[in-house]
Amino acid sequence: MEYIPKVLQAVAGEDFTIYLYFSDGSVRLYDAKPLLQLGGVFEPMRDPDYFRDRLTVLNDTAAWDVSGDMDPCNCIDLDPIELYETCPVVVDPLEKAS
């Protein structure tokens, strides 16, 4: 059976990065800066507060809650398979906090 990655938690890091906690226990780091440079639907996320405050998990992946009501049909979400396959595995930054 092939593993289908699911993001369980997404935590904004420094400088438009995201720590992604996957269902297999791995933690991966995504750098969103290239995405934000595209503009268009990604333009609001260039605001650091919007980027951090609207970041959530919807549709089993990292997403930004556009409407503010956690509607999985009204969000900007990232492909969980692409994230899983391209983002490097990192040490959980929350482990350092304890």
PDB file of N, CA and C in Angstrom:
ATOM      1  N   MET A   1       0.842  -1.175   0.000  1.00  0.00           N
ATOM      2  CA  MET A   1       0.000   0.000   0.000  1.00  0.00           C
ATOM      3  C   MET A   1       0.890   1.242   0.000  1.00  0.00           C
ATOM      4  N   GLU A   2       0.582   2.194  -0.845  1.00  0.00           N
ATOM      5  CA  GLU A   2       1.360   3.418  -0.976  1.00  0.00           C
ATOM      6  C   GLU A   2       0.945   4.429   0.086  1.00  0.00           C
ATOM      7  N   TYR A   3       1.927   5.079   0.687  1.00  0.00           N
ATOM      8  CA  TYR A   3       1.669   6.100   1.698  1.00  0.00           C
ATOM      9  C   TYR A   3       1.117   7.356   1.038  1.00  0.00           C
ATOM     10  N   ILE A   4      -0.006   7.828   1.543  1.00  0.00           N
ATOM     11  CA  ILE A   4      -0.588   9.091   1.086  1.00  0.00           C
ATOM     12  C   ILE A   4      -0.352  10.106   2.194  1.00  0.00           C
ATOM     13  N   PRO A   5       0.541  11.073   1.965  1.00  0.00           N
ATOM     14  CA  PRO A   5       0.893  12.009   3.035  1.00  0.00           C
ATOM     15  C   PRO A   5      -0.258  12.930   3.408  1.00  0.00           C
ATOM     16  N   LYS A   6      -0.373  13.150   4.713  1.00  0.00           N
ATOM     17  CA  LYS A   6      -1.353  14.088   5.251  1.00  0.00           C
ATOM     18  C   LYS A   6      -0.639  14.992   6.239  1.00  0.00           C
ATOM     19  N   VAL A   7      -0.889  16.275   6.116  1.00  0.00           N
ATOM     20  CA  VAL A   7      -0.330  17.231   7.058  1.00  0.00           C
ATOM     21  C   VAL A   7      -1.273  17.304   8.256  1.00  0.00           C
ATOM     22  N   LEU A   8      -0.721  17.084   9.441  1.00  0.00           N
ATOM     23  CA  LEU A   8      -1.512  17.145  10.670  1.00  0.00           C
ATOM     24  C   LEU A   8      -1.419  18.510  11.336  1.00  0.00           C
ATOM     25  N   GLN A   9      -0.285  19.183  11.134  1.00  0.00           N
ATOM     26  CA  GLN A   9      -0.077  20.496  11.745  1.00  0.00           C
ATOM     27  C   GLN A   9       0.855  21.297  10.852  1.00  0.00           C
ATOM     28  N   ALA A  10       0.604  22.599  10.776  1.00  0.00           N
ATOM     29  CA  ALA A  10       1.456  23.518  10.020  1.00  0.00           C
ATOM     30  C   ALA A  10       1.763  24.702  10.927  1.00  0.00           C
ATOM     31  N   VAL A  11       3.042  24.965  11.133  1.00  0.00           N
ATOM     32  CA  VAL A  11       3.467  26.030  12.027  1.00  0.00           C
ATOM     33  C   VAL A  11       4.359  26.996  11.253  1.00  0.00           C
ATOM     34  N   ALA A  12       3.992  28.270  11.268  1.00  0.00           N
ATOM     35  CA  ALA A  12       4.801  29.274  10.586  1.00  0.00           C
ATOM     36  C   ALA A  12       6.132  29.440  11.296  1.00  0.00           C
ATOM     37  N   GLY A  13       7.187  29.453  10.501  1.00  0.00           N
ATOM     38  CA  GLY A  13       8.525  29.690  11.019  1.00  0.00           C
ATOM     39  C   GLY A  13       8.976  31.092  10.653  1.00  0.00           C
ATOM     40  N   GLU A  14      10.267  31.315  10.722  1.00  0.00           N
ATOM     41  CA  GLU A  14      10.844  32.609  10.370  1.00  0.00           C
ATOM     42  C   GLU A  14      10.897  32.782   8.845  1.00  0.00           C
ATOM     43  N   ASP A  15      10.770  34.027   8.406  1.00  0.00           N
ATOM     44  CA  ASP A  15      11.010  34.391   7.009  1.00  0.00           C
ATOM     45  C   ASP A  15      10.187  33.554   6.014  1.00  0.00           C
ATOM     46  N   PHE A  16       8.886  33.442   6.290  1.00  0.00           N
ATOM     47  CA  PHE A  16       7.939  32.774   5.393  1.00  0.00           C
ATOM     48  C   PHE A  16       8.247  31.299   5.164  1.00  0.00           C
ATOM     49  N   THR A  17       8.653  30.625   6.221  1.00  0.00           N
ATOM     50  CA  THR A  17       8.803  29.175   6.166  1.00  0.00           C
ATOM     51  C   THR A  17       7.673  28.531   6.957  1.00  0.00           C
ATOM     52  N   ILE A  18       7.460  27.247   6.702  1.00  0.00           N
ATOM     53  CA  ILE A  18       6.407  26.501   7.394  1.00  0.00           C
ATOM     54  C   ILE A  18       6.974  25.151   7.821  1.00  0.00           C
ATOM     55  N   TYR A  19       6.797  24.830   9.092  1.00  0.00           N
ATOM     56  CA  TYR A  19       7.114  23.495   9.583  1.00  0.00           C
ATOM     57  C   TYR A  19       5.866  22.644   9.387  1.00  0.00           C
ATOM     58  N   LEU A  20       6.021  21.553   8.652  1.00  0.00           N
ATOM     59  CA  LEU A  20       4.908  20.668   8.305  1.00  0.00           C
ATOM     60  C   LEU A  20       5.055  19.362   9.079  1.00  0.00           C
ATOM     61  N   TYR A  21       4.047  19.012   9.835  1.00  0.00           N
ATOM     62  CA  TYR A  21       4.041  17.781  10.625  1.00  0.00           C
ATOM     63  C   TYR A  21       3.152  16.776   9.900  1.00  0.00           C
ATOM     64  N   PHE A  22       3.786  15.734   9.367  1.00  0.00           N
ATOM     65  CA  PHE A  22       3.066  14.744   8.564  1.00  0.00           C
ATOM     66  C   PHE A  22       2.603  13.563   9.400  1.00  0.00           C
ATOM     67  N   SER A  23       1.648  12.846   8.852  1.00  0.00           N
ATOM     68  CA  SER A  23       1.038  11.705   9.545  1.00  0.00           C
ATOM     69  C   SER A  23       2.003  10.541   9.762  1.00  0.00           C
ATOM     70  N   ASP A  24       3.138  10.522   9.066  1.00  0.00           N
ATOM     71  CA  ASP A  24       4.121   9.462   9.300  1.00  0.00           C
ATOM     72  C   ASP A  24       5.111   9.839  10.407  1.00  0.00           C
ATOM     73  N   GLY A  25       4.910  11.006  11.036  1.00  0.00           N
ATOM     74  CA  GLY A  25       5.774  11.463  12.115  1.00  0.00           C
ATOM     75  C   GLY A  25       6.907  12.360  11.669  1.00  0.00           C
ATOM     76  N   SER A  26       7.090  12.523  10.371  1.00  0.00           N
ATOM     77  CA  SER A  26       8.175  13.385   9.896  1.00  0.00           C
ATOM     78  C   SER A  26       7.783  14.857  10.010  1.00  0.00           C
ATOM     79  N   VAL A  27       8.803  15.685  10.181  1.00  0.00           N
ATOM     80  CA  VAL A  27       8.638  17.138  10.177  1.00  0.00           C
ATOM     81  C   VAL A  27       9.462  17.651   9.010  1.00  0.00           C
ATOM     82  N   ARG A  28       8.833  18.427   8.165  1.00  0.00           N
ATOM     83  CA  ARG A  28       9.504  18.928   6.959  1.00  0.00           C
ATOM     84  C   ARG A  28       9.379  20.445   6.919  1.00  0.00           C
ATOM     85  N   LEU A  29      10.322  21.088   6.266  1.00  0.00           N
ATOM     86  CA  LEU A  29      10.356  22.546   6.213  1.00  0.00           C
ATOM     87  C   LEU A  29      10.100  23.027   4.798  1.00  0.00           C
ATOM     88  N   TYR A  30       9.102  23.889   4.666  1.00  0.00           N
ATOM     89  CA  TYR A  30       8.732  24.455   3.368  1.00  0.00           C
ATOM     90  C   TYR A  30       9.077  25.940   3.347  1.00  0.00           C
ATOM     91  N   ASP A  31       9.770  26.372   2.321  1.00  0.00           N
ATOM     92  CA  ASP A  31      10.099  27.783   2.119  1.00  0.00           C
ATOM     93  C   ASP A  31       9.085  28.349   1.129  1.00  0.00           C
ATOM     94  N   ALA A  32       8.197  29.221   1.610  1.00  0.00           N
ATOM     95  CA  ALA A  32       7.118  29.734   0.773  1.00  0.00           C
ATOM     96  C   ALA A  32       7.496  30.973  -0.024  1.00  0.00           C
ATOM     97  N   LYS A  33       8.696  31.506   0.141  1.00  0.00           N
ATOM     98  CA  LYS A  33       9.061  32.743  -0.548  1.00  0.00           C
ATOM     99  C   LYS A  33       8.902  32.658  -2.072  1.00  0.00           C
ATOM    100  N   PRO A  34       9.358  31.585  -2.735  1.00  0.00           N
ATOM    101  CA  PRO A  34       9.149  31.523  -4.188  1.00  0.00           C
ATOM    102  C   PRO A  34       7.663  31.554  -4.577  1.00  0.00           C
ATOM    103  N   LEU A  35       6.825  30.951  -3.775  1.00  0.00           N
ATOM    104  CA  LEU A  35       5.389  30.951  -4.039  1.00  0.00           C
ATOM    105  C   LEU A  35       4.831  32.371  -3.926  1.00  0.00           C
ATOM    106  N   LEU A  36       5.246  33.091  -2.901  1.00  0.00           N
ATOM    107  CA  LEU A  36       4.735  34.441  -2.667  1.00  0.00           C
ATOM    108  C   LEU A  36       5.167  35.407  -3.764  1.00  0.00           C
ATOM    109  N   GLN A  37       6.298  35.145  -4.387  1.00  0.00           N
ATOM    110  CA  GLN A  37       6.778  36.009  -5.467  1.00  0.00           C
ATOM    111  C   GLN A  37       5.890  35.932  -6.705  1.00  0.00           C
ATOM    112  N   LEU A  38       5.049  34.905  -6.784  1.00  0.00           N
ATOM    113  CA  LEU A  38       4.156  34.758  -7.933  1.00  0.00           C
ATOM    114  C   LEU A  38       3.042  35.796  -7.940  1.00  0.00           C
ATOM    115  N   GLY A  39       2.737  36.360  -6.766  1.00  0.00           N
ATOM    116  CA  GLY A  39       1.659  37.346  -6.686  1.00  0.00           C
ATOM    117  C   GLY A  39       0.306  36.686  -6.888  1.00  0.00           C
ATOM    118  N   GLY A  40      -0.627  37.399  -7.507  1.00  0.00           N
ATOM    119  CA  GLY A  40      -1.969  36.858  -7.757  1.00  0.00           C
ATOM    120  C   GLY A  40      -2.660  36.457  -6.468  1.00  0.00           C
ATOM    121  N   VAL A  41      -3.175  35.235  -6.410  1.00  0.00           N
ATOM    122  CA  VAL A  41      -3.896  34.768  -5.214  1.00  0.00           C
ATOM    123  C   VAL A  41      -2.979  34.690  -3.999  1.00  0.00           C
ATOM    124  N   PHE A  42      -1.662  34.652  -4.227  1.00  0.00           N
ATOM    125  CA  PHE A  42      -0.710  34.556  -3.125  1.00  0.00           C
ATOM    126  C   PHE A  42      -0.318  35.923  -2.553  1.00  0.00           C
ATOM    127  N   GLU A  43      -0.729  36.998  -3.191  1.00  0.00           N
ATOM    128  CA  GLU A  43      -0.352  38.354  -2.784  1.00  0.00           C
ATOM    129  C   GLU A  43      -0.668  38.654  -1.315  1.00  0.00           C
ATOM    130  N   PRO A  44      -1.876  38.332  -0.800  1.00  0.00           N
ATOM    131  CA  PRO A  44      -2.164  38.651   0.615  1.00  0.00           C
ATOM    132  C   PRO A  44      -1.205  37.976   1.588  1.00  0.00           C
ATOM    133  N   MET A  45      -0.660  36.831   1.208  1.00  0.00           N
ATOM    134  CA  MET A  45       0.230  36.085   2.099  1.00  0.00           C
ATOM    135  C   MET A  45       1.598  36.731   2.237  1.00  0.00           C
ATOM    136  N   ARG A  46       1.871  37.756   1.449  1.00  0.00           N
ATOM    137  CA  ARG A  46       3.143  38.468   1.574  1.00  0.00           C
ATOM    138  C   ARG A  46       3.177  39.304   2.854  1.00  0.00           C
ATOM    139  N   ASP A  47       2.007  39.553   3.425  1.00  0.00           N
ATOM    140  CA  ASP A  47       1.919  40.231   4.721  1.00  0.00           C
ATOM    141  C   ASP A  47       2.249  39.188   5.791  1.00  0.00           C
ATOM    142  N   PRO A  48       3.320  39.403   6.565  1.00  0.00           N
ATOM    143  CA  PRO A  48       3.730  38.394   7.558  1.00  0.00           C
ATOM    144  C   PRO A  48       2.626  38.016   8.547  1.00  0.00           C
ATOM    145  N   ASP A  49       1.799  38.970   8.940  1.00  0.00           N
ATOM    146  CA  ASP A  49       0.707  38.665   9.874  1.00  0.00           C
ATOM    147  C   ASP A  49      -0.338  37.768   9.217  1.00  0.00           C
ATOM    148  N   TYR A  50      -0.707  38.075   7.987  1.00  0.00           N
ATOM    149  CA  TYR A  50      -1.666  37.251   7.249  1.00  0.00           C
ATOM    150  C   TYR A  50      -1.102  35.850   7.055  1.00  0.00           C
ATOM    151  N   PHE A  51       0.149  35.785   6.635  1.00  0.00           N
ATOM    152  CA  PHE A  51       0.805  34.503   6.408  1.00  0.00           C
ATOM    153  C   PHE A  51       0.730  33.627   7.652  1.00  0.00           C
ATOM    154  N   ARG A  52       1.082  34.186   8.786  1.00  0.00           N
ATOM    155  CA  ARG A  52       1.130  33.441  10.050  1.00  0.00           C
ATOM    156  C   ARG A  52      -0.275  33.162  10.603  1.00  0.00           C
ATOM    157  N   ASP A  53      -1.125  34.186  10.621  1.00  0.00           N
ATOM    158  CA  ASP A  53      -2.429  34.068  11.287  1.00  0.00           C
ATOM    159  C   ASP A  53      -3.443  33.245  10.506  1.00  0.00           C
ATOM    160  N   ARG A  54      -3.344  33.223   9.201  1.00  0.00           N
ATOM    161  CA  ARG A  54      -4.296  32.470   8.369  1.00  0.00           C
ATOM    162  C   ARG A  54      -3.814  31.068   8.034  1.00  0.00           C
ATOM    163  N   LEU A  55      -2.565  30.761   8.354  1.00  0.00           N
ATOM    164  CA  LEU A  55      -2.023  29.422   8.089  1.00  0.00           C
ATOM    165  C   LEU A  55      -2.724  28.402   8.978  1.00  0.00           C
ATOM    166  N   THR A  56      -3.164  27.318   8.374  1.00  0.00           N
ATOM    167  CA  THR A  56      -3.872  26.266   9.098  1.00  0.00           C
ATOM    168  C   THR A  56      -3.716  24.958   8.336  1.00  0.00           C
ATOM    169  N   VAL A  57      -4.481  23.970   8.728  1.00  0.00           N
ATOM    170  CA  VAL A  57      -4.551  22.711   7.977  1.00  0.00           C
ATOM    171  C   VAL A  57      -5.989  22.530   7.516  1.00  0.00           C
ATOM    172  N   LEU A  58      -6.157  22.464   6.231  1.00  0.00           N
ATOM    173  CA  LEU A  58      -7.445  22.164   5.600  1.00  0.00           C
ATOM    174  C   LEU A  58      -7.169  21.189   4.463  1.00  0.00           C
ATOM    175  N   ASN A  59      -8.083  20.301   4.192  1.00  0.00           N
ATOM    176  CA  ASN A  59      -7.923  19.324   3.110  1.00  0.00           C
ATOM    177  C   ASN A  59      -6.666  18.464   3.295  1.00  0.00           C
ATOM    178  N   ASP A  60      -6.320  18.193   4.545  1.00  0.00           N
ATOM    179  CA  ASP A  60      -5.151  17.359   4.889  1.00  0.00           C
ATOM    180  C   ASP A  60      -3.824  17.941   4.433  1.00  0.00           C
ATOM    181  N   THR A  61      -3.751  19.283   4.352  1.00  0.00           N
ATOM    182  CA  THR A  61      -2.508  19.916   3.949  1.00  0.00           C
ATOM    183  C   THR A  61      -2.421  21.331   4.503  1.00  0.00           C
ATOM    184  N   ALA A  62      -1.259  21.951   4.340  1.00  0.00           N
ATOM    185  CA  ALA A  62      -1.087  23.339   4.745  1.00  0.00           C
ATOM    186  C   ALA A  62      -1.960  24.216   3.856  1.00  0.00           C
ATOM    187  N   ALA A  63      -2.640  25.169   4.488  1.00  0.00           N
ATOM    188  CA  ALA A  63      -3.552  26.029   3.746  1.00  0.00           C
ATOM    189  C   ALA A  63      -3.671  27.378   4.445  1.00  0.00           C
ATOM    190  N   TRP A  64      -4.133  28.350   3.692  1.00  0.00           N
ATOM    191  CA  TRP A  64      -4.456  29.650   4.263  1.00  0.00           C
ATOM    192  C   TRP A  64      -5.959  29.828   4.177  1.00  0.00           C
ATOM    193  N   ASP A  65      -6.553  30.119   5.317  1.00  0.00           N
ATOM    194  CA  ASP A  65      -7.996  30.286   5.455  1.00  0.00           C
ATOM    195  C   ASP A  65      -8.392  31.664   4.925  1.00  0.00           C
ATOM    196  N   VAL A  66      -8.794  31.733   3.673  1.00  0.00           N
ATOM    197  CA  VAL A  66      -9.098  32.994   3.003  1.00  0.00           C
ATOM    198  C   VAL A  66     -10.321  33.678   3.607  1.00  0.00           C
ATOM    199  N   SER A  67     -11.364  32.907   3.865  1.00  0.00           N
ATOM    200  CA  SER A  67     -12.629  33.488   4.333  1.00  0.00           C
ATOM    201  C   SER A  67     -12.664  33.719   5.838  1.00  0.00           C
ATOM    202  N   GLY A  68     -11.803  33.070   6.577  1.00  0.00           N
ATOM    203  CA  GLY A  68     -11.800  33.213   8.024  1.00  0.00           C
ATOM    204  C   GLY A  68     -12.791  32.309   8.725  1.00  0.00           C
ATOM    205  N   ASP A  69     -13.453  31.414   7.980  1.00  0.00           N
ATOM    206  CA  ASP A  69     -14.439  30.528   8.611  1.00  0.00           C
ATOM    207  C   ASP A  69     -14.098  29.041   8.442  1.00  0.00           C
ATOM    208  N   MET A  70     -12.825  28.771   8.148  1.00  0.00           N
ATOM    209  CA  MET A  70     -12.332  27.391   8.024  1.00  0.00           C
ATOM    210  C   MET A  70     -13.080  26.582   6.969  1.00  0.00           C
ATOM    211  N   ASP A  71     -13.503  27.242   5.904  1.00  0.00           N
ATOM    212  CA  ASP A  71     -14.197  26.588   4.798  1.00  0.00           C
ATOM    213  C   ASP A  71     -13.158  25.924   3.892  1.00  0.00           C
ATOM    214  N   PRO A  72     -13.154  24.583   3.801  1.00  0.00           N
ATOM    215  CA  PRO A  72     -12.153  23.902   2.977  1.00  0.00           C
ATOM    216  C   PRO A  72     -12.286  24.199   1.489  1.00  0.00           C
ATOM    217  N   CYS A  73     -13.406  24.807   1.086  1.00  0.00           N
ATOM    218  CA  CYS A  73     -13.585  25.174  -0.319  1.00  0.00           C
ATOM    219  C   CYS A  73     -13.124  26.603  -0.603  1.00  0.00           C
ATOM    220  N   ASN A  74     -12.865  27.370   0.460  1.00  0.00           N
ATOM    221  CA  ASN A  74     -12.459  28.763   0.296  1.00  0.00           C
ATOM    222  C   ASN A  74     -11.121  28.983   0.993  1.00  0.00           C
ATOM    223  N   CYS A  75     -10.116  28.302   0.476  1.00  0.00           N
ATOM    224  CA  CYS A  75      -8.779  28.404   1.044  1.00  0.00           C
ATOM    225  C   CYS A  75      -7.767  28.289  -0.081  1.00  0.00           C
ATOM    226  N   ILE A  76      -6.533  28.609   0.249  1.00  0.00           N
ATOM    227  CA  ILE A  76      -5.423  28.367  -0.667  1.00  0.00           C
ATOM    228  C   ILE A  76      -4.619  27.247  -0.031  1.00  0.00           C
ATOM    229  N   ASP A  77      -4.657  26.085  -0.658  1.00  0.00           N
ATOM    230  CA  ASP A  77      -3.962  24.939  -0.073  1.00  0.00           C
ATOM    231  C   ASP A  77      -2.866  24.434  -1.007  1.00  0.00           C
ATOM    232  N   LEU A  78      -1.897  23.784  -0.398  1.00  0.00           N
ATOM    233  CA  LEU A  78      -0.739  23.271  -1.122  1.00  0.00           C
ATOM    234  C   LEU A  78      -0.855  21.762  -1.290  1.00  0.00           C
ATOM    235  N   ASP A  79      -0.279  21.251  -2.338  1.00  0.00           N
ATOM    236  CA  ASP A  79      -0.332  19.819  -2.636  1.00  0.00           C
ATOM    237  C   ASP A  79       0.487  19.045  -1.595  1.00  0.00           C
ATOM    238  N   PRO A  80      -0.154  18.201  -0.780  1.00  0.00           N
ATOM    239  CA  PRO A  80       0.582  17.497   0.265  1.00  0.00           C
ATOM    240  C   PRO A  80       1.627  16.518  -0.276  1.00  0.00           C
ATOM    241  N   ILE A  81       1.369  15.933  -1.431  1.00  0.00           N
ATOM    242  CA  ILE A  81       2.336  15.004  -2.021  1.00  0.00           C
ATOM    243  C   ILE A  81       3.586  15.763  -2.458  1.00  0.00           C
ATOM    244  N   GLU A  82       3.388  16.894  -3.100  1.00  0.00           N
ATOM    245  CA  GLU A  82       4.522  17.738  -3.519  1.00  0.00           C
ATOM    246  C   GLU A  82       5.328  18.194  -2.307  1.00  0.00           C
ATOM    247  N   LEU A  83       4.650  18.623  -1.255  1.00  0.00           N
ATOM    248  CA  LEU A  83       5.344  19.049  -0.034  1.00  0.00           C
ATOM    249  C   LEU A  83       6.159  17.901   0.549  1.00  0.00           C
ATOM    250  N   TYR A  84       5.541  16.740   0.635  1.00  0.00           N
ATOM    251  CA  TYR A  84       6.201  15.579   1.227  1.00  0.00           C
ATOM    252  C   TYR A  84       7.439  15.164   0.434  1.00  0.00           C
ATOM    253  N   GLU A  85       7.322  15.214  -0.885  1.00  0.00           N
ATOM    254  CA  GLU A  85       8.411  14.743  -1.737  1.00  0.00           C
ATOM    255  C   GLU A  85       9.541  15.754  -1.923  1.00  0.00           C
ATOM    256  N   THR A  86       9.263  17.046  -1.742  1.00  0.00           N
ATOM    257  CA  THR A  86      10.282  18.057  -2.039  1.00  0.00           C
ATOM    258  C   THR A  86      10.838  18.788  -0.815  1.00  0.00           C
ATOM    259  N   CYS A  87      10.151  18.762   0.295  1.00  0.00           N
ATOM    260  CA  CYS A  87      10.611  19.499   1.478  1.00  0.00           C
ATOM    261  C   CYS A  87      11.559  18.644   2.313  1.00  0.00           C
ATOM    262  N   PRO A  88      12.659  19.232   2.755  1.00  0.00           N
ATOM    263  CA  PRO A  88      13.608  18.461   3.563  1.00  0.00           C
ATOM    264  C   PRO A  88      13.053  18.140   4.948  1.00  0.00           C
ATOM    265  N   VAL A  89      13.438  16.970   5.446  1.00  0.00           N
ATOM    266  CA  VAL A  89      13.099  16.573   6.816  1.00  0.00           C
ATOM    267  C   VAL A  89      13.992  17.378   7.751  1.00  0.00           C
ATOM    268  N   VAL A  90      13.383  17.916   8.815  1.00  0.00           N
ATOM    269  CA  VAL A  90      14.125  18.727   9.785  1.00  0.00           C
ATOM    270  C   VAL A  90      13.790  18.249  11.197  1.00  0.00           C
ATOM    271  N   VAL A  91      14.574  18.712  12.152  1.00  0.00           N
ATOM    272  CA  VAL A  91      14.310  18.446  13.561  1.00  0.00           C
ATOM    273  C   VAL A  91      13.118  19.305  13.981  1.00  0.00           C
ATOM    274  N   ASP A  92      12.226  18.736  14.759  1.00  0.00           N
ATOM    275  CA  ASP A  92      11.040  19.440  15.238  1.00  0.00           C
ATOM    276  C   ASP A  92      11.469  20.645  16.078  1.00  0.00           C
ATOM    277  N   PRO A  93      11.144  21.875  15.644  1.00  0.00           N
ATOM    278  CA  PRO A  93      11.559  23.044  16.409  1.00  0.00           C
ATOM    279  C   PRO A  93      10.864  23.127  17.776  1.00  0.00           C
ATOM    280  N   LEU A  94       9.741  22.457  17.916  1.00  0.00           N
ATOM    281  CA  LEU A  94       9.035  22.480  19.201  1.00  0.00           C
ATOM    282  C   LEU A  94       9.738  21.650  20.249  1.00  0.00           C
ATOM    283  N   GLU A  95      10.584  20.718  19.838  1.00  0.00           N
ATOM    284  CA  GLU A  95      11.351  19.933  20.799  1.00  0.00           C
ATOM    285  C   GLU A  95      12.355  20.799  21.543  1.00  0.00           C
ATOM    286  N   LYS A  96      12.853  21.832  20.855  1.00  0.00           N
ATOM    287  CA  LYS A  96      13.820  22.738  21.473  1.00  0.00           C
ATOM    288  C   LYS A  96      13.166  23.603  22.538  1.00  0.00           C
ATOM    289  N   ALA A  97      11.862  23.819  22.417  1.00  0.00           N
ATOM    290  CA  ALA A  97      11.146  24.710  23.336  1.00  0.00           C
ATOM    291  C   ALA A  97      10.949  24.069  24.704  1.00  0.00           C
ATOM    292  N   SER A  98      11.030  22.743  24.796  1.00  0.00           N
ATOM    293  CA  SER A  98      10.764  22.083  26.072  1.00  0.00           C
ATOM    294  C   SER A  98      11.967  22.012  26.976  1.00  0.00           C
TER     295      SER A  98
END
